All heavy atoms as atom14 arrays in JSON, in Angstrom:
{
  "sequence": "GGSTTDYADSVKGRFTISEDNAKNTGYLQMNSLKPEDTAIYYCAES",
  "atom14_mask": [
    [1, 1, 1, 1, 0, 0, 0, 0, 0, 0, 0, 0, 0, 0],
    [1, 1, 1, 1, 0, 0, 0, 0, 0, 0, 0, 0, 0, 0],
    [1, 1, 1, 1, 1, 1, 0, 0, 0, 0, 0, 0, 0, 0],
    [1, 1, 1, 1, 1, 1, 1, 0, 0, 0, 0, 0, 0, 0],
    [1, 1, 1, 1, 1, 1, 1, 0, 0, 0, 0, 0, 0, 0],
    [1, 1, 1, 1, 1, 1, 1, 1, 0, 0, 0, 0, 0, 0],
    [1, 1, 1, 1, 1, 1, 1, 1, 1, 1, 1, 1, 0, 0],
    [1, 1, 1, 1, 1, 0, 0, 0, 0, 0, 0, 0, 0, 0],
    [1, 1, 1, 1, 1, 1, 1, 1, 0, 0, 0, 0, 0, 0],
    [1, 1, 1, 1, 1, 1, 0, 0, 0, 0, 0, 0, 0, 0],
    [1, 1, 1, 1, 1, 1, 1, 0, 0, 0, 0, 0, 0, 0],
    [1, 1, 1, 1, 1, 1, 1, 1, 1, 0, 0, 0, 0, 0],
    [1, 1, 1, 1, 0, 0, 0, 0, 0, 0, 0, 0, 0, 0],
    [1, 1, 1, 1, 1, 1, 1, 1, 1, 1, 1, 0, 0, 0],
    [1, 1, 1, 1, 1, 1, 1, 1, 1, 1, 1, 0, 0, 0],
    [1, 1, 1, 1, 1, 1, 1, 0, 0, 0, 0, 0, 0, 0],
    [1, 1, 1, 1, 1, 1, 1, 1, 0, 0, 0, 0, 0, 0],
    [1, 1, 1, 1, 1, 1, 0, 0, 0, 0, 0, 0, 0, 0],
    [1, 1, 1, 1, 1, 1, 1, 1, 1, 0, 0, 0, 0, 0],
    [1, 1, 1, 1, 1, 1, 1, 1, 0, 0, 0, 0, 0, 0],
    [1, 1, 1, 1, 1, 1, 1, 1, 0, 0, 0, 0, 0, 0],
    [1, 1, 1, 1, 1, 0, 0, 0, 0, 0, 0, 0, 0, 0],
    [1, 1, 1, 1, 1, 1, 1, 1, 1, 0, 0, 0, 0, 0],
    [1, 1, 1, 1, 1, 1, 1, 1, 0, 0, 0, 0, 0, 0],
    [1, 1, 1, 1, 1, 1, 1, 0, 0, 0, 0, 0, 0, 0],
    [1, 1, 1, 1, 0, 0, 0, 0, 0, 0, 0, 0, 0, 0],
    [1, 1, 1, 1, 1, 1, 1, 1, 1, 1, 1, 1, 0, 0],
    [1, 1, 1, 1, 1, 1, 1, 1, 0, 0, 0, 0, 0, 0],
    [1, 1, 1, 1, 1, 1, 1, 1, 1, 0, 0, 0, 0, 0],
    [1, 1, 1, 1, 1, 1, 1, 1, 0, 0, 0, 0, 0, 0],
    [1, 1, 1, 1, 1, 1, 1, 1, 0, 0, 0, 0, 0, 0],
    [1, 1, 1, 1, 1, 1, 0, 0, 0, 0, 0, 0, 0, 0],
    [1, 1, 1, 1, 1, 1, 1, 1, 0, 0, 0, 0, 0, 0],
    [1, 1, 1, 1, 1, 1, 1, 1, 1, 0, 0, 0, 0, 0],
    [1, 1, 1, 1, 1, 1, 1, 0, 0, 0, 0, 0, 0, 0],
    [1, 1, 1, 1, 1, 1, 1, 1, 1, 0, 0, 0, 0, 0],
    [1, 1, 1, 1, 1, 1, 1, 1, 0, 0, 0, 0, 0, 0],
    [1, 1, 1, 1, 1, 1, 1, 0, 0, 0, 0, 0, 0, 0],
    [1, 1, 1, 1, 1, 0, 0, 0, 0, 0, 0, 0, 0, 0],
    [1, 1, 1, 1, 1, 1, 1, 1, 0, 0, 0, 0, 0, 0],
    [1, 1, 1, 1, 1, 1, 1, 1, 1, 1, 1, 1, 0, 0],
    [1, 1, 1, 1, 1, 1, 1, 1, 1, 1, 1, 1, 0, 0],
    [1, 1, 1, 1, 1, 1, 0, 0, 0, 0, 0, 0, 0, 0],
    [1, 1, 1, 1, 1, 0, 0, 0, 0, 0, 0, 0, 0, 0],
    [1, 1, 1, 1, 1, 1, 1, 1, 1, 0, 0, 0, 0, 0],
    [1, 1, 1, 1, 1, 1, 0, 0, 0, 0, 0, 0, 0, 0]
  ],
  "atom14_positions": [
    [[71.42, 64.92, 19.31], [71.48, 63.55, 19.74], [71.82, 62.69, 18.47], [72.32, 61.59, 18.61], [0.0, 0.0, 0.0], [0.0, 0.0, 0.0], [0.0, 0.0, 0.0], [0.0, 0.0, 0.0], [0.0, 0.0, 0.0], [0.0, 0.0, 0.0], [0.0, 0.0, 0.0], [0.0, 0.0, 0.0], [0.0, 0.0, 0.0], [0.0, 0.0, 0.0]],
    [[71.7, 63.25, 17.25], [72.13, 62.49, 16.1], [71.18, 61.41, 15.69], [71.49, 60.62, 14.77], [0.0, 0.0, 0.0], [0.0, 0.0, 0.0], [0.0, 0.0, 0.0], [0.0, 0.0, 0.0], [0.0, 0.0, 0.0], [0.0, 0.0, 0.0], [0.0, 0.0, 0.0], [0.0, 0.0, 0.0], [0.0, 0.0, 0.0], [0.0, 0.0, 0.0]],
    [[69.98, 61.29, 16.36], [69.1, 60.15, 16.07], [68.37, 60.25, 14.74], [67.99, 59.22, 14.22], [68.15, 59.98, 17.15], [67.33, 61.1, 17.26], [0.0, 0.0, 0.0], [0.0, 0.0, 0.0], [0.0, 0.0, 0.0], [0.0, 0.0, 0.0], [0.0, 0.0, 0.0], [0.0, 0.0, 0.0], [0.0, 0.0, 0.0], [0.0, 0.0, 0.0]],
    [[68.25, 61.42, 14.25], [67.51, 61.56, 12.99], [68.24, 62.5, 12.04], [68.71, 63.61, 12.45], [66.06, 62.25, 13.41], [65.38, 61.42, 14.26], [65.27, 62.49, 12.16], [0.0, 0.0, 0.0], [0.0, 0.0, 0.0], [0.0, 0.0, 0.0], [0.0, 0.0, 0.0], [0.0, 0.0, 0.0], [0.0, 0.0, 0.0], [0.0, 0.0, 0.0]],
    [[68.31, 62.09, 10.79], [68.89, 62.97, 9.67], [67.74, 63.13, 8.57], [66.79, 62.27, 8.48], [70.08, 62.4, 9.09], [69.79, 61.16, 8.61], [71.17, 62.31, 10.15], [0.0, 0.0, 0.0], [0.0, 0.0, 0.0], [0.0, 0.0, 0.0], [0.0, 0.0, 0.0], [0.0, 0.0, 0.0], [0.0, 0.0, 0.0], [0.0, 0.0, 0.0]],
    [[67.84, 64.19, 7.86], [66.93, 64.45, 6.81], [67.63, 65.13, 5.64], [68.58, 65.91, 5.97], [65.76, 65.34, 7.21], [64.63, 65.19, 6.25], [64.6, 64.33, 5.36], [63.72, 66.16, 6.38], [0.0, 0.0, 0.0], [0.0, 0.0, 0.0], [0.0, 0.0, 0.0], [0.0, 0.0, 0.0], [0.0, 0.0, 0.0], [0.0, 0.0, 0.0]],
    [[67.31, 64.92, 4.4], [67.98, 65.38, 3.31], [66.94, 65.84, 2.27], [65.81, 65.32, 2.09], [68.88, 64.4, 2.63], [69.91, 63.85, 3.49], [69.87, 62.83, 4.31], [71.2, 64.55, 3.48], [70.85, 62.38, 5.12], [72.26, 64.06, 4.24], [72.03, 63.0, 5.03], [73.08, 62.59, 5.82], [0.0, 0.0, 0.0], [0.0, 0.0, 0.0]],
    [[67.33, 66.93, 1.52], [66.47, 67.31, 0.37], [66.6, 66.26, -0.62], [67.59, 65.52, -0.78], [66.97, 68.56, -0.18], [0.0, 0.0, 0.0], [0.0, 0.0, 0.0], [0.0, 0.0, 0.0], [0.0, 0.0, 0.0], [0.0, 0.0, 0.0], [0.0, 0.0, 0.0], [0.0, 0.0, 0.0], [0.0, 0.0, 0.0], [0.0, 0.0, 0.0]],
    [[65.42, 66.0, -1.46], [65.46, 64.99, -2.44], [66.67, 65.12, -3.44], [67.25, 64.21, -3.91], [64.11, 64.86, -3.18], [63.06, 64.37, -2.37], [63.27, 63.7, -1.25], [61.89, 64.55, -2.64], [0.0, 0.0, 0.0], [0.0, 0.0, 0.0], [0.0, 0.0, 0.0], [0.0, 0.0, 0.0], [0.0, 0.0, 0.0], [0.0, 0.0, 0.0]],
    [[66.88, 66.44, -3.78], [68.02, 66.62, -4.73], [69.37, 66.2, -4.32], [70.26, 66.14, -5.1], [68.04, 68.18, -5.07], [68.24, 68.96, -3.88], [0.0, 0.0, 0.0], [0.0, 0.0, 0.0], [0.0, 0.0, 0.0], [0.0, 0.0, 0.0], [0.0, 0.0, 0.0], [0.0, 0.0, 0.0], [0.0, 0.0, 0.0], [0.0, 0.0, 0.0]],
    [[69.68, 66.02, -3.01], [70.97, 65.62, -2.53], [70.97, 64.21, -1.86], [72.13, 63.74, -1.55], [71.54, 66.62, -1.5], [71.42, 67.99, -2.14], [70.82, 66.68, -0.18], [0.0, 0.0, 0.0], [0.0, 0.0, 0.0], [0.0, 0.0, 0.0], [0.0, 0.0, 0.0], [0.0, 0.0, 0.0], [0.0, 0.0, 0.0], [0.0, 0.0, 0.0]],
    [[69.93, 63.57, -1.75], [69.81, 62.14, -1.13], [70.86, 61.3, -1.89], [70.78, 61.2, -3.22], [68.49, 61.65, -1.06], [67.6, 62.21, 0.01], [66.18, 61.58, 0.03], [65.43, 62.14, 1.17], [64.0, 61.66, 1.07], [0.0, 0.0, 0.0], [0.0, 0.0, 0.0], [0.0, 0.0, 0.0], [0.0, 0.0, 0.0], [0.0, 0.0, 0.0]],
    [[71.65, 60.55, -1.19], [72.48, 59.61, -1.71], [73.83, 60.22, -2.11], [74.68, 59.43, -2.52], [0.0, 0.0, 0.0], [0.0, 0.0, 0.0], [0.0, 0.0, 0.0], [0.0, 0.0, 0.0], [0.0, 0.0, 0.0], [0.0, 0.0, 0.0], [0.0, 0.0, 0.0], [0.0, 0.0, 0.0], [0.0, 0.0, 0.0], [0.0, 0.0, 0.0]],
    [[73.94, 61.56, -2.12], [75.14, 62.16, -2.52], [75.91, 63.06, -1.37], [77.07, 63.05, -1.28], [74.95, 63.26, -3.63], [74.34, 62.56, -4.92], [74.4, 63.56, -6.12], [73.45, 64.66, -5.86], [73.83, 65.85, -5.77], [75.08, 66.26, -6.22], [72.97, 66.88, -5.64], [0.0, 0.0, 0.0], [0.0, 0.0, 0.0], [0.0, 0.0, 0.0]],
    [[74.93, 63.62, -0.45], [75.51, 64.43, 0.65], [75.29, 63.58, 1.9], [74.22, 62.82, 2.03], [74.71, 65.62, 0.77], [74.92, 66.7, -0.41], [75.64, 66.29, -1.58], [74.46, 67.92, -0.26], [75.97, 67.24, -2.53], [74.75, 68.89, -1.27], [75.47, 68.59, -2.37], [0.0, 0.0, 0.0], [0.0, 0.0, 0.0], [0.0, 0.0, 0.0]],
    [[76.1, 63.79, 2.97], [76.0, 63.16, 4.25], [76.31, 64.21, 5.29], [77.23, 64.91, 5.2], [76.97, 62.01, 4.41], [76.76, 60.96, 3.4], [76.74, 61.39, 5.79], [0.0, 0.0, 0.0], [0.0, 0.0, 0.0], [0.0, 0.0, 0.0], [0.0, 0.0, 0.0], [0.0, 0.0, 0.0], [0.0, 0.0, 0.0], [0.0, 0.0, 0.0]],
    [[75.33, 64.42, 6.22], [75.54, 65.33, 7.38], [75.97, 64.58, 8.59], [75.63, 63.45, 8.86], [74.27, 66.11, 7.59], [74.51, 67.1, 8.65], [73.11, 65.17, 8.1], [73.25, 68.13, 8.83], [0.0, 0.0, 0.0], [0.0, 0.0, 0.0], [0.0, 0.0, 0.0], [0.0, 0.0, 0.0], [0.0, 0.0, 0.0], [0.0, 0.0, 0.0]],
    [[76.88, 65.1, 9.24], [77.44, 64.49, 10.56], [77.81, 65.59, 11.43], [77.91, 66.75, 11.13], [78.6, 63.51, 10.18], [79.69, 64.27, 9.67], [0.0, 0.0, 0.0], [0.0, 0.0, 0.0], [0.0, 0.0, 0.0], [0.0, 0.0, 0.0], [0.0, 0.0, 0.0], [0.0, 0.0, 0.0], [0.0, 0.0, 0.0], [0.0, 0.0, 0.0]],
    [[78.29, 65.26, 12.7], [78.69, 66.2, 13.69], [79.71, 65.44, 14.61], [79.57, 64.26, 14.85], [77.44, 66.83, 14.38], [76.68, 65.86, 15.15], [75.42, 66.54, 15.8], [75.24, 67.77, 15.51], [74.79, 65.85, 16.55], [0.0, 0.0, 0.0], [0.0, 0.0, 0.0], [0.0, 0.0, 0.0], [0.0, 0.0, 0.0], [0.0, 0.0, 0.0]],
    [[80.54, 66.23, 15.24], [81.46, 65.82, 16.14], [81.28, 66.72, 17.41], [81.77, 67.8, 17.43], [82.85, 65.86, 15.73], [83.88, 65.31, 16.67], [83.62, 65.28, 17.88], [85.05, 64.96, 16.23], [0.0, 0.0, 0.0], [0.0, 0.0, 0.0], [0.0, 0.0, 0.0], [0.0, 0.0, 0.0], [0.0, 0.0, 0.0], [0.0, 0.0, 0.0]],
    [[80.43, 66.23, 18.34], [80.2, 67.0, 19.48], [81.35, 67.35, 20.32], [81.35, 68.45, 21.01], [79.05, 66.24, 20.4], [77.75, 66.16, 19.71], [77.34, 67.14, 18.96], [77.04, 65.15, 19.96], [0.0, 0.0, 0.0], [0.0, 0.0, 0.0], [0.0, 0.0, 0.0], [0.0, 0.0, 0.0], [0.0, 0.0, 0.0], [0.0, 0.0, 0.0]],
    [[82.4, 66.58, 20.35], [83.57, 66.78, 21.14], [84.26, 68.09, 20.54], [84.96, 68.8, 21.33], [84.54, 65.68, 21.15], [0.0, 0.0, 0.0], [0.0, 0.0, 0.0], [0.0, 0.0, 0.0], [0.0, 0.0, 0.0], [0.0, 0.0, 0.0], [0.0, 0.0, 0.0], [0.0, 0.0, 0.0], [0.0, 0.0, 0.0], [0.0, 0.0, 0.0]],
    [[84.11, 68.28, 19.28], [84.7, 69.47, 18.56], [83.79, 70.56, 18.26], [84.17, 71.63, 17.72], [85.42, 68.99, 17.3], [86.47, 68.05, 17.5], [87.19, 67.56, 16.14], [88.29, 66.7, 16.25], [88.88, 66.45, 14.85], [0.0, 0.0, 0.0], [0.0, 0.0, 0.0], [0.0, 0.0, 0.0], [0.0, 0.0, 0.0], [0.0, 0.0, 0.0]],
    [[82.51, 70.4, 18.77], [81.52, 71.42, 18.47], [81.47, 71.79, 17.01], [81.41, 73.1, 16.54], [81.6, 72.67, 19.39], [81.31, 72.41, 20.76], [80.72, 71.48, 21.1], [81.57, 73.56, 21.57], [0.0, 0.0, 0.0], [0.0, 0.0, 0.0], [0.0, 0.0, 0.0], [0.0, 0.0, 0.0], [0.0, 0.0, 0.0], [0.0, 0.0, 0.0]],
    [[81.66, 70.8, 16.11], [81.66, 71.09, 14.66], [80.81, 70.08, 13.92], [80.58, 68.86, 14.31], [83.06, 70.79, 14.15], [84.03, 71.68, 14.91], [83.27, 71.06, 12.7], [0.0, 0.0, 0.0], [0.0, 0.0, 0.0], [0.0, 0.0, 0.0], [0.0, 0.0, 0.0], [0.0, 0.0, 0.0], [0.0, 0.0, 0.0], [0.0, 0.0, 0.0]],
    [[80.03, 70.71, 12.97], [79.25, 69.94, 12.09], [79.91, 69.89, 10.69], [80.69, 70.65, 10.29], [0.0, 0.0, 0.0], [0.0, 0.0, 0.0], [0.0, 0.0, 0.0], [0.0, 0.0, 0.0], [0.0, 0.0, 0.0], [0.0, 0.0, 0.0], [0.0, 0.0, 0.0], [0.0, 0.0, 0.0], [0.0, 0.0, 0.0], [0.0, 0.0, 0.0]],
    [[79.51, 68.83, 9.85], [80.08, 68.62, 8.61], [78.93, 68.32, 7.57], [77.86, 67.75, 7.89], [81.09, 67.38, 8.69], [82.14, 67.5, 9.66], [82.0, 66.9, 10.93], [83.34, 68.35, 9.4], [82.99, 67.13, 11.92], [84.26, 68.54, 10.35], [84.09, 67.91, 11.61], [85.12, 68.0, 12.6], [0.0, 0.0, 0.0], [0.0, 0.0, 0.0]],
    [[79.23, 68.6, 6.34], [78.48, 68.27, 5.27], [79.38, 67.7, 4.16], [80.1, 68.39, 3.48], [77.62, 69.42, 4.62], [76.67, 68.98, 3.53], [75.5, 68.08, 4.09], [76.05, 70.25, 2.99], [0.0, 0.0, 0.0], [0.0, 0.0, 0.0], [0.0, 0.0, 0.0], [0.0, 0.0, 0.0], [0.0, 0.0, 0.0], [0.0, 0.0, 0.0]],
    [[79.31, 66.39, 4.05], [80.17, 65.74, 2.97], [79.4, 65.76, 1.72], [78.18, 65.23, 1.72], [80.54, 64.22, 3.36], [81.34, 63.52, 2.42], [82.69, 64.11, 2.06], [83.47, 64.49, 3.07], [83.2, 64.27, 0.88], [0.0, 0.0, 0.0], [0.0, 0.0, 0.0], [0.0, 0.0, 0.0], [0.0, 0.0, 0.0], [0.0, 0.0, 0.0]],
    [[79.88, 66.29, 0.6], [79.19, 66.41, -0.63], [80.02, 65.67, -1.6], [81.12, 66.04, -1.99], [79.13, 67.95, -0.99], [78.48, 68.75, 0.16], [78.08, 70.47, -0.45], [79.68, 71.06, -0.73], [0.0, 0.0, 0.0], [0.0, 0.0, 0.0], [0.0, 0.0, 0.0], [0.0, 0.0, 0.0], [0.0, 0.0, 0.0], [0.0, 0.0, 0.0]],
    [[79.34, 64.62, -2.26], [79.96, 63.83, -3.23], [79.22, 64.0, -4.58], [78.08, 64.36, -4.62], [80.08, 62.42, -2.87], [80.96, 62.19, -1.49], [81.92, 62.85, -1.3], [80.54, 61.14, -0.78], [0.0, 0.0, 0.0], [0.0, 0.0, 0.0], [0.0, 0.0, 0.0], [0.0, 0.0, 0.0], [0.0, 0.0, 0.0], [0.0, 0.0, 0.0]],
    [[79.73, 63.55, -5.64], [79.15, 63.64, -6.98], [78.46, 64.83, -7.27], [77.3, 64.99, -7.65], [78.09, 62.48, -7.1], [78.6, 61.18, -6.84], [0.0, 0.0, 0.0], [0.0, 0.0, 0.0], [0.0, 0.0, 0.0], [0.0, 0.0, 0.0], [0.0, 0.0, 0.0], [0.0, 0.0, 0.0], [0.0, 0.0, 0.0], [0.0, 0.0, 0.0]],
    [[79.29, 66.0, -7.09], [78.66, 67.3, -7.15], [78.24, 67.6, -8.54], [78.82, 67.1, -9.57], [79.63, 68.31, -6.6], [79.75, 68.45, -5.1], [81.0, 69.06, -4.63], [78.56, 69.15, -4.56], [0.0, 0.0, 0.0], [0.0, 0.0, 0.0], [0.0, 0.0, 0.0], [0.0, 0.0, 0.0], [0.0, 0.0, 0.0], [0.0, 0.0, 0.0]],
    [[77.18, 68.38, -8.72], [76.65, 68.73, -9.97], [76.63, 70.27, -10.12], [76.66, 71.07, -9.02], [75.21, 68.29, -10.12], [75.03, 66.84, -9.93], [73.55, 66.44, -9.88], [73.34, 64.91, -9.73], [71.92, 64.55, -9.73], [0.0, 0.0, 0.0], [0.0, 0.0, 0.0], [0.0, 0.0, 0.0], [0.0, 0.0, 0.0], [0.0, 0.0, 0.0]],
    [[76.74, 70.82, -11.3], [76.62, 72.32, -11.43], [75.43, 72.97, -10.67], [75.52, 74.02, -10.15], [76.51, 72.46, -12.91], [77.2, 71.27, -13.52], [76.89, 70.2, -12.58], [0.0, 0.0, 0.0], [0.0, 0.0, 0.0], [0.0, 0.0, 0.0], [0.0, 0.0, 0.0], [0.0, 0.0, 0.0], [0.0, 0.0, 0.0], [0.0, 0.0, 0.0]],
    [[74.39, 72.26, -10.65], [73.25, 72.8, -9.95], [73.34, 72.85, -8.48], [72.41, 73.43, -7.8], [71.86, 72.03, -10.37], [71.97, 70.56, -10.14], [72.27, 69.75, -11.47], [73.24, 70.32, -12.21], [71.72, 68.78, -11.74], [0.0, 0.0, 0.0], [0.0, 0.0, 0.0], [0.0, 0.0, 0.0], [0.0, 0.0, 0.0], [0.0, 0.0, 0.0]],
    [[74.38, 72.32, -7.91], [74.69, 72.42, -6.5], [75.51, 73.77, -6.16], [75.62, 74.04, -5.03], [75.64, 71.2, -6.06], [74.92, 69.9, -6.13], [73.67, 69.78, -5.72], [75.48, 68.98, -6.51], [0.0, 0.0, 0.0], [0.0, 0.0, 0.0], [0.0, 0.0, 0.0], [0.0, 0.0, 0.0], [0.0, 0.0, 0.0], [0.0, 0.0, 0.0]],
    [[75.74, 74.44, -7.22], [76.43, 75.77, -7.04], [75.49, 76.68, -6.22], [74.4, 76.98, -6.55], [76.8, 76.37, -8.35], [77.7, 75.51, -9.03], [77.36, 77.72, -8.13], [0.0, 0.0, 0.0], [0.0, 0.0, 0.0], [0.0, 0.0, 0.0], [0.0, 0.0, 0.0], [0.0, 0.0, 0.0], [0.0, 0.0, 0.0], [0.0, 0.0, 0.0]],
    [[76.08, 77.16, -5.07], [75.32, 78.12, -4.14], [76.12, 78.54, -3.01], [77.36, 78.04, -2.86], [74.13, 77.38, -3.66], [0.0, 0.0, 0.0], [0.0, 0.0, 0.0], [0.0, 0.0, 0.0], [0.0, 0.0, 0.0], [0.0, 0.0, 0.0], [0.0, 0.0, 0.0], [0.0, 0.0, 0.0], [0.0, 0.0, 0.0], [0.0, 0.0, 0.0]],
    [[75.71, 79.48, -2.23], [76.29, 79.69, -0.99], [75.6, 78.8, 0.02], [74.48, 78.63, 0.05], [76.08, 81.24, -0.52], [76.69, 82.16, -1.51], [76.66, 81.41, 0.9], [76.5, 83.63, -1.3], [0.0, 0.0, 0.0], [0.0, 0.0, 0.0], [0.0, 0.0, 0.0], [0.0, 0.0, 0.0], [0.0, 0.0, 0.0], [0.0, 0.0, 0.0]],
    [[76.44, 78.02, 0.82], [75.93, 77.16, 1.7], [76.06, 77.76, 3.18], [77.1, 78.28, 3.56], [76.77, 75.76, 1.68], [76.4, 74.99, 0.44], [76.72, 75.4, -0.83], [75.62, 73.79, 0.69], [76.22, 74.61, -1.87], [75.21, 73.02, -0.43], [75.57, 73.44, -1.73], [75.11, 72.7, -2.88], [0.0, 0.0, 0.0], [0.0, 0.0, 0.0]],
    [[75.0, 77.52, 3.93], [74.92, 78.04, 5.21], [74.63, 76.97, 6.29], [73.8, 76.06, 5.99], [73.77, 79.01, 5.48], [73.98, 80.25, 4.49], [73.36, 80.27, 3.17], [74.51, 81.47, 4.89], [73.5, 81.36, 2.4], [74.58, 82.6, 4.11], [74.01, 82.53, 2.85], [74.19, 83.59, 2.07], [0.0, 0.0, 0.0], [0.0, 0.0, 0.0]],
    [[75.33, 76.99, 7.33], [74.88, 76.17, 8.5], [74.03, 76.87, 9.49], [74.13, 78.18, 9.52], [76.16, 75.5, 9.2], [77.13, 76.62, 10.11], [0.0, 0.0, 0.0], [0.0, 0.0, 0.0], [0.0, 0.0, 0.0], [0.0, 0.0, 0.0], [0.0, 0.0, 0.0], [0.0, 0.0, 0.0], [0.0, 0.0, 0.0], [0.0, 0.0, 0.0]],
    [[73.25, 76.23, 10.21], [72.32, 76.95, 11.14], [71.97, 75.82, 12.33], [72.03, 74.79, 12.2], [70.97, 77.25, 10.42], [0.0, 0.0, 0.0], [0.0, 0.0, 0.0], [0.0, 0.0, 0.0], [0.0, 0.0, 0.0], [0.0, 0.0, 0.0], [0.0, 0.0, 0.0], [0.0, 0.0, 0.0], [0.0, 0.0, 0.0], [0.0, 0.0, 0.0]],
    [[71.69, 76.61, 13.44], [71.17, 75.92, 14.55], [69.78, 76.27, 14.83], [69.41, 77.41, 14.77], [72.07, 76.2, 15.83], [73.38, 75.62, 15.92], [74.01, 75.72, 17.24], [73.44, 76.32, 18.1], [75.17, 75.17, 17.5], [0.0, 0.0, 0.0], [0.0, 0.0, 0.0], [0.0, 0.0, 0.0], [0.0, 0.0, 0.0], [0.0, 0.0, 0.0]],
    [[68.99, 75.19, 15.24], [67.52, 75.41, 15.33], [67.15, 76.13, 16.58], [67.91, 76.28, 17.55], [66.84, 74.01, 15.29], [67.12, 73.34, 16.45], [0.0, 0.0, 0.0], [0.0, 0.0, 0.0], [0.0, 0.0, 0.0], [0.0, 0.0, 0.0], [0.0, 0.0, 0.0], [0.0, 0.0, 0.0], [0.0, 0.0, 0.0], [0.0, 0.0, 0.0]]
  ]
}
């Protein structure tokens, strides 16, 4: 429903999560990236 979002403290203010239900697609916009953001990123459904 998109009513609630939550972020890890380490990415607050830099990353934004969103979704397009018409496309069945979720997104993670990542700005101001830092070397410590280096990782494998996984999406998941609860």
